Amino acid sequence: MLGFSHSFLSNFLFWVTRKRWLIFTFVISLLLFYIPSPTTLTPEGHRTLIIVVIALILIIGEVIPLPAVAILILILEVIFGIDTPNGVAASFMSDAVFFIMGSLMLAVAIVSQGLDKRLALGIIRMTGNRTWRIVFGFVAVSAILSSFIGEHTVAAMMLPVALTLVRNTSEDKAIVHTLAKLLLFSIAYGCAIGSIGTPSGGGRNVIMIGYISEFGLGNISYLDWIKYAYPMLLIEIPIAVLILWVTFRPEQTILDSAVRKLKVNVAKSGKMNGNQIMAIFVFVGVFWWLAVNESTYFYIGVAICGAGALLGTYDLIQTKHSLLRNYPLQAHLRYF
């Protein structure tokens, strides 16, 4: 058949099947590129819309990794003549980008120090072993945390906790099917509604603040955003819990054995170490800095955070007292 072997055709069809979204993206981009631009739209605007369509298709089809999609957007902006290479690079050197990057770094520090396990134990201690209370705790904690450090990171922190409870309940997937959906959706809903709480909850918040300021519509501070957004967040938490409980009501109304196993696993890690205390201190210090940077208390906060950071650093590097080295800052409180 046209000189092609059966094996070649089979491999080619298999490749087309695997890469159908990539081929579809290429075809759509060519069609849109050669369609005449509307009179009310500039050529640069037309090409920008093409890039948006390409990015959406690649993200939905999961053809290439998300970081590759982000890099492809930068390359296409230059190829399509939307901006110069220097202009594209300069667009990433904004306050919003560095703010988001700092939030992600803070989240990585929290996870790397094992504070997610401590968080799990804290939720269980507050909620008890009743399923609806655990769901409320998952939604509330996910919402509050995602308002500060990003919803995707909070989801990654909370997911092992939910899966551990599910596995400790039963190994039979049929038995815990509804329970798994309830716990996992509680994390997802909490992260989604919590991301509006503060500017650091998501890149969209910071970008919107930048646009509002750029167009002269007003200047919104970190604390002002919280005043307007957090009441809505708190109202949405019980509503989300009610919807989830009615939709995915499980057979297991009490997770006694699962909670008991989780407490044992978390307790094996021992007491909080110095690095974990330092991570909490940095998190609280950064939030204080952002929340009161426009008031007279800003300098007080800087002084306190600076003194604590210097003292904690000295405790970590000094060699005379092992207690201070293992438990920086909190070891000084043993005399009170």
Protein backbone atom coordinates (compact mmCIF):
# COMPACT_ATOMS: atom_id res chain seq x y z
CA MET A 1 0.00 0.00 0.00
CA LEU A 2 1.90 3.03 -1.42
CA GLY A 3 5.15 1.36 -0.40
CA PHE A 4 4.41 1.56 3.36
CA SER A 5 4.59 -1.57 5.45
CA HIS A 6 1.85 -2.64 7.80
CA SER A 7 4.16 -2.10 10.77
CA PHE A 8 4.91 1.48 9.71
CA LEU A 9 1.23 2.30 9.29
CA SER A 10 0.39 0.79 12.66
CA ASN A 11 3.12 2.80 14.39
CA PHE A 12 2.06 5.97 12.56
CA LEU A 13 -1.59 5.57 13.52
CA PHE A 14 -0.56 4.86 17.10
CA TRP A 15 1.53 8.04 17.12
CA VAL A 16 -1.36 10.07 15.67
CA THR A 17 -3.68 8.67 18.33
CA ARG A 18 -1.26 9.59 21.10
CA LYS A 19 -0.54 13.05 19.70
CA ARG A 20 -4.03 13.94 18.48
CA TRP A 21 -4.29 17.01 20.72
CA LEU A 22 -0.92 18.27 19.50
CA ILE A 23 -1.96 17.80 15.86
CA PHE A 24 -5.32 19.42 16.56
CA THR A 25 -3.54 22.39 18.14
CA PHE A 26 -1.25 22.78 15.13
CA VAL A 27 -4.16 22.68 12.66
CA ILE A 28 -6.28 25.14 14.67
CA SER A 29 -3.37 27.55 15.03
CA LEU A 30 -2.77 27.55 11.26
CA LEU A 31 -6.44 28.18 10.52
CA LEU A 32 -6.65 31.03 13.01
CA PHE A 33 -3.42 32.54 11.77
CA TYR A 34 -4.62 32.82 8.17
CA ILE A 35 -8.09 34.07 9.08
CA PRO A 36 -8.20 37.84 8.43
CA SER A 37 -8.14 39.96 11.58
CA PRO A 38 -11.36 41.83 12.46
CA THR A 39 -11.24 45.54 11.74
CA THR A 40 -11.62 46.34 15.43
CA LEU A 41 -8.69 44.09 16.40
CA THR A 42 -5.03 44.86 15.83
CA PRO A 43 -2.75 42.20 14.29
CA GLU A 44 -0.93 41.86 17.62
CA GLY A 45 -4.24 41.30 19.38
CA HIS A 46 -5.21 38.67 16.82
CA ARG A 47 -1.95 36.79 17.38
CA THR A 48 -2.38 37.06 21.13
CA LEU A 49 -5.76 35.35 20.87
CA ILE A 50 -4.12 32.58 18.84
CA ILE A 51 -1.58 32.04 21.62
CA VAL A 52 -4.40 31.91 24.19
CA VAL A 53 -6.25 29.25 22.17
CA ILE A 54 -3.06 27.20 21.73
CA ALA A 55 -2.28 27.35 25.45
CA LEU A 56 -5.82 26.33 26.44
CA ILE A 57 -5.85 23.33 24.09
CA LEU A 58 -2.42 22.15 25.28
CA ILE A 59 -3.43 22.50 28.94
CA ILE A 60 -6.76 20.71 28.47
CA GLY A 61 -5.26 17.94 26.32
CA GLU A 62 -2.21 17.56 28.61
CA VAL A 63 -0.07 17.12 25.52
CA ILE A 64 3.07 18.55 27.07
CA PRO A 65 3.98 19.42 30.68
CA LEU A 66 2.60 22.68 32.04
CA PRO A 67 6.06 24.27 32.42
CA ALA A 68 6.65 23.57 28.72
CA VAL A 69 3.37 25.34 27.90
CA ALA A 70 4.53 28.39 29.86
CA ILE A 71 7.84 28.48 27.98
CA LEU A 72 6.03 27.98 24.66
CA ILE A 73 3.92 31.08 25.35
CA LEU A 74 7.08 33.16 25.75
CA ILE A 75 8.55 31.81 22.52
CA LEU A 76 5.35 32.39 20.55
CA GLU A 77 5.13 35.99 21.75
CA VAL A 78 8.51 36.63 20.14
CA ILE A 79 7.86 34.55 16.99
CA PHE A 80 4.51 36.25 16.35
CA GLY A 81 6.07 39.67 16.81
CA ILE A 82 3.89 40.63 19.78
CA ASP A 83 6.92 41.91 21.67
CA THR A 84 10.70 41.86 21.56
CA PRO A 85 12.71 39.27 23.52
CA ASN A 86 13.75 41.98 25.98
CA GLY A 87 10.15 43.13 26.34
CA VAL A 88 8.90 39.61 27.04
CA ALA A 89 11.64 39.04 29.62
CA ALA A 90 10.92 42.40 31.27
CA SER A 91 7.26 41.48 31.71
CA PHE A 92 8.33 38.75 34.15
CA MET A 93 10.37 41.15 36.27
CA SER A 94 7.30 42.55 37.99
CA ASP A 95 6.24 42.71 41.64
CA ALA A 96 3.43 40.22 41.01
CA VAL A 97 5.79 37.55 39.64
CA PHE A 98 8.26 37.87 42.51
CA PHE A 99 5.41 37.90 45.03
CA ILE A 100 4.04 34.62 43.64
CA MET A 101 7.53 33.10 43.56
CA GLY A 102 8.09 34.03 47.19
CA SER A 103 4.77 32.48 48.22
CA LEU A 104 5.71 29.21 46.51
CA MET A 105 9.12 29.20 48.21
CA LEU A 106 7.43 29.65 51.58
CA ALA A 107 5.08 26.75 50.84
CA VAL A 108 7.97 24.49 49.83
CA ALA A 109 9.71 25.28 53.12
CA ILE A 110 6.62 24.28 55.10
CA VAL A 111 6.27 20.96 53.26
CA SER A 112 9.99 20.13 53.34
CA GLN A 113 10.09 20.58 57.11
CA GLY A 114 7.27 18.08 57.60
CA LEU A 115 4.79 20.59 58.96
CA ASP A 116 2.07 19.04 56.83
CA LYS A 117 2.08 16.03 59.17
CA ARG A 118 1.81 18.30 62.16
CA LEU A 119 -1.08 19.99 60.42
CA ALA A 120 -2.83 16.66 60.00
CA LEU A 121 -2.53 15.90 63.69
CA GLY A 122 -3.79 19.37 64.56
CA ILE A 123 -6.89 18.94 62.39
CA ILE A 124 -7.72 15.60 63.95
CA ARG A 125 -7.30 16.97 67.46
CA MET A 126 -9.69 19.82 66.69
CA THR A 127 -12.34 17.83 64.84
CA GLY A 128 -12.37 14.50 66.65
CA ASN A 129 -13.31 11.28 64.87
CA ARG A 130 -16.76 12.18 63.49
CA THR A 131 -16.70 12.27 59.71
CA TRP A 132 -18.66 15.48 59.23
CA ARG A 133 -16.36 17.30 61.64
CA ILE A 134 -13.31 16.03 59.78
CA VAL A 135 -14.84 17.26 56.53
CA PHE A 136 -15.47 20.66 58.11
CA GLY A 137 -11.88 20.72 59.34
CA PHE A 138 -10.51 19.79 55.91
CA VAL A 139 -12.53 22.51 54.17
CA ALA A 140 -11.73 25.17 56.77
CA VAL A 141 -8.01 24.44 57.07
CA SER A 142 -7.59 24.06 53.31
CA ALA A 143 -9.38 27.36 52.75
CA ILE A 144 -7.39 29.29 55.35
CA LEU A 145 -4.03 27.90 54.26
CA SER A 146 -4.71 28.32 50.54
CA SER A 147 -5.48 31.98 51.15
CA PHE A 148 -1.82 32.46 52.08
CA ILE A 149 0.39 29.91 50.29
CA GLY A 150 -1.43 28.83 47.12
CA GLU A 151 -4.15 26.26 46.61
CA HIS A 152 -2.12 23.70 44.66
CA THR A 153 0.49 23.49 47.43
CA VAL A 154 -2.17 23.14 50.12
CA ALA A 155 -3.83 20.37 48.11
CA ALA A 156 -0.50 18.55 47.92
CA MET A 157 -0.10 18.92 51.70
CA MET A 158 -3.63 17.76 52.56
CA LEU A 159 -3.95 14.93 50.05
CA PRO A 160 -1.75 12.43 51.97
CA VAL A 161 -3.79 13.12 55.12
CA ALA A 162 -7.08 12.30 53.38
CA LEU A 163 -5.68 9.21 51.66
CA THR A 164 -4.25 7.98 54.95
CA LEU A 165 -7.66 8.22 56.59
CA VAL A 166 -9.25 6.40 53.65
CA ARG A 167 -6.68 3.58 53.71
CA ASN A 168 -6.89 3.24 57.48
CA THR A 169 -10.67 2.89 57.25
CA SER A 170 -10.63 -0.07 54.85
CA GLU A 171 -8.54 -1.57 52.06
CA ASP A 172 -11.72 -2.40 50.13
CA LYS A 173 -12.22 0.38 47.58
CA ALA A 174 -15.92 -0.37 47.26
CA ILE A 175 -16.46 0.32 50.96
CA VAL A 176 -14.57 3.62 51.08
CA HIS A 177 -15.54 4.85 47.60
CA THR A 178 -17.96 7.52 48.82
CA LEU A 179 -15.77 8.45 51.79
CA ALA A 180 -12.80 9.01 49.48
CA LYS A 181 -14.82 11.32 47.24
CA LEU A 182 -16.08 13.27 50.25
CA LEU A 183 -12.63 13.84 51.78
CA LEU A 184 -10.89 14.63 48.50
CA PHE A 185 -13.59 17.03 47.34
CA SER A 186 -13.50 18.74 50.73
CA ILE A 187 -9.83 19.56 50.12
CA ALA A 188 -10.52 20.70 46.57
CA TYR A 189 -13.46 22.91 47.57
CA GLY A 190 -11.54 24.38 50.50
CA CYS A 191 -8.54 25.25 48.34
CA ALA A 192 -10.75 26.78 45.65
CA ILE A 193 -12.76 29.05 47.94
CA GLY A 194 -9.78 29.98 50.07
CA SER A 195 -7.63 31.27 47.24
CA ILE A 196 -9.53 34.57 47.20
CA GLY A 197 -8.74 35.36 50.84
CA THR A 198 -5.47 37.26 50.44
CA PRO A 199 -3.32 38.50 47.53
CA SER A 200 -0.87 35.65 48.15
CA GLY A 201 -3.65 33.09 47.71
CA GLY A 202 -3.25 33.10 43.95
CA GLY A 203 -1.48 34.85 41.13
CA ARG A 204 -4.80 36.18 39.81
CA ASN A 205 -5.23 38.26 42.96
CA VAL A 206 -1.88 39.98 42.66
CA ILE A 207 -2.34 40.56 38.94
CA MET A 208 -5.75 42.11 39.54
CA ILE A 209 -4.32 44.45 42.17
CA GLY A 210 -1.67 45.47 39.65
CA TYR A 211 -4.27 46.19 36.97
CA ILE A 212 -6.43 48.21 39.38
CA SER A 213 -3.44 50.33 40.29
CA GLU A 214 -2.22 50.62 36.70
CA PHE A 215 -5.57 51.92 35.43
CA GLY A 216 -5.83 54.41 38.28
CA LEU A 217 -8.83 52.76 39.92
CA GLY A 218 -7.25 52.70 43.35
CA ASN A 219 -4.53 51.15 45.48
CA ILE A 220 -5.47 48.05 47.44
CA SER A 221 -3.11 46.97 50.21
CA TYR A 222 -2.68 43.44 51.53
CA LEU A 223 -4.79 44.17 54.59
CA ASP A 224 -7.50 45.96 52.56
CA TRP A 225 -7.90 42.87 50.35
CA ILE A 226 -8.35 40.70 53.44
CA LYS A 227 -11.03 43.04 54.83
CA TYR A 228 -13.11 42.70 51.68
CA ALA A 229 -12.46 39.08 50.71
CA TYR A 230 -12.18 37.13 53.97
CA PRO A 231 -15.80 37.56 55.10
CA MET A 232 -16.92 35.91 51.85
CA LEU A 233 -14.43 33.11 52.42
CA LEU A 234 -15.71 32.40 55.93
CA ILE A 235 -19.34 32.39 54.76
CA GLU A 236 -18.56 29.90 51.98
CA ILE A 237 -16.94 27.33 54.29
CA PRO A 238 -20.13 25.99 56.01
CA ILE A 239 -22.04 26.20 52.72
CA ALA A 240 -19.41 24.04 51.00
CA VAL A 241 -19.44 21.52 53.87
CA LEU A 242 -23.23 21.22 53.69
CA ILE A 243 -23.22 20.69 49.92
CA LEU A 244 -20.48 18.06 50.14
CA TRP A 245 -22.15 16.19 53.00
CA VAL A 246 -25.52 16.06 51.24
CA THR A 247 -23.93 15.02 47.93
CA PHE A 248 -21.43 12.43 49.23
CA ARG A 249 -22.89 11.23 52.50
CA PRO A 250 -20.75 8.19 53.47
CA GLU A 251 -21.65 5.08 55.40
CA GLN A 252 -18.82 5.71 57.86
CA THR A 253 -20.05 8.45 60.18
CA ILE A 254 -17.24 7.82 62.69
CA LEU A 255 -13.59 7.19 61.70
CA ASP A 256 -12.37 5.96 65.06
CA SER A 257 -9.82 3.36 63.92
CA ALA A 258 -8.54 5.51 61.05
CA VAL A 259 -7.95 8.50 63.31
CA ARG A 260 -6.24 6.34 65.92
CA LYS A 261 -3.80 4.94 63.35
CA LEU A 262 -3.06 8.43 62.01
CA LYS A 263 -2.27 9.73 65.49
CA VAL A 264 0.16 6.88 66.07
CA ASN A 265 1.94 7.50 62.76
CA VAL A 266 2.30 11.22 63.35
CA ALA A 267 3.38 10.77 66.97
CA LYS A 268 6.31 8.59 65.82
CA SER A 269 7.99 11.64 64.31
CA GLY A 270 8.58 13.06 67.79
CA LYS A 271 8.46 16.65 68.97
CA MET A 272 8.89 19.67 66.76
CA ASN A 273 12.51 20.40 65.88
CA GLY A 274 14.26 23.71 65.48
CA ASN A 275 13.85 23.89 61.72
CA GLN A 276 10.10 23.42 61.98
CA ILE A 277 9.85 26.17 64.60
CA MET A 278 11.93 28.43 62.38
CA ALA A 279 9.67 27.74 59.38
CA ILE A 280 6.61 28.70 61.43
CA PHE A 281 8.37 31.83 62.66
CA VAL A 282 9.26 32.88 59.12
CA PHE A 283 5.71 32.26 57.91
CA VAL A 284 4.18 34.37 60.70
CA GLY A 285 6.82 37.05 60.22
CA VAL A 286 6.18 37.34 56.50
CA PHE A 287 2.44 37.58 57.03
CA TRP A 288 2.93 40.26 59.68
CA TRP A 289 5.16 42.18 57.28
CA LEU A 290 2.56 42.05 54.51
CA ALA A 291 -0.41 42.80 56.72
CA VAL A 292 0.84 45.89 58.56
CA ASN A 293 3.40 47.33 56.16
CA GLU A 294 1.39 50.51 55.78
CA SER A 295 0.97 51.23 59.49
CA THR A 296 3.25 52.44 62.24
CA TYR A 297 3.40 48.91 63.60
CA PHE A 298 5.40 47.89 60.57
CA TYR A 299 8.69 48.95 62.16
CA ILE A 300 7.80 47.16 65.36
CA GLY A 301 7.14 43.99 63.39
CA VAL A 302 10.43 44.33 61.50
CA ALA A 303 12.30 44.82 64.77
CA ILE A 304 10.70 41.79 66.39
CA CYS A 305 11.18 39.56 63.33
CA GLY A 306 14.74 40.75 62.87
CA ALA A 307 15.66 40.15 66.50
CA GLY A 308 14.05 36.73 66.46
CA ALA A 309 15.79 35.79 63.22
CA LEU A 310 19.18 36.86 64.58
CA LEU A 311 18.62 35.00 67.85
CA GLY A 312 17.42 31.87 66.07
CA THR A 313 20.39 31.94 63.69
CA TYR A 314 22.80 32.31 66.60
CA ASP A 315 21.15 29.37 68.37
CA LEU A 316 21.60 27.18 65.30
CA ILE A 317 25.28 27.97 64.72
CA GLN A 318 26.55 28.18 68.32
CA THR A 319 28.28 25.07 69.74
CA LYS A 320 28.17 25.58 73.51
CA HIS A 321 24.57 24.57 74.22
CA SER A 322 23.04 21.61 72.39
CA LEU A 323 19.59 22.45 73.75
CA LEU A 324 19.61 25.84 72.01
CA ARG A 325 21.00 24.30 68.85
CA ASN A 326 18.31 21.62 68.70
CA TYR A 327 15.48 23.91 69.80
CA PRO A 328 16.32 27.46 68.68
CA LEU A 329 14.17 30.25 70.11
CA GLN A 330 11.78 28.00 72.04
CA ALA A 331 14.57 26.77 74.33
CA HIS A 332 14.81 30.28 75.78
CA LEU A 333 11.23 29.93 77.03
CA ARG A 334 12.08 27.07 79.40
CA TYR A 335 12.66 29.54 82.24
CA PHE A 336 9.16 31.04 82.00
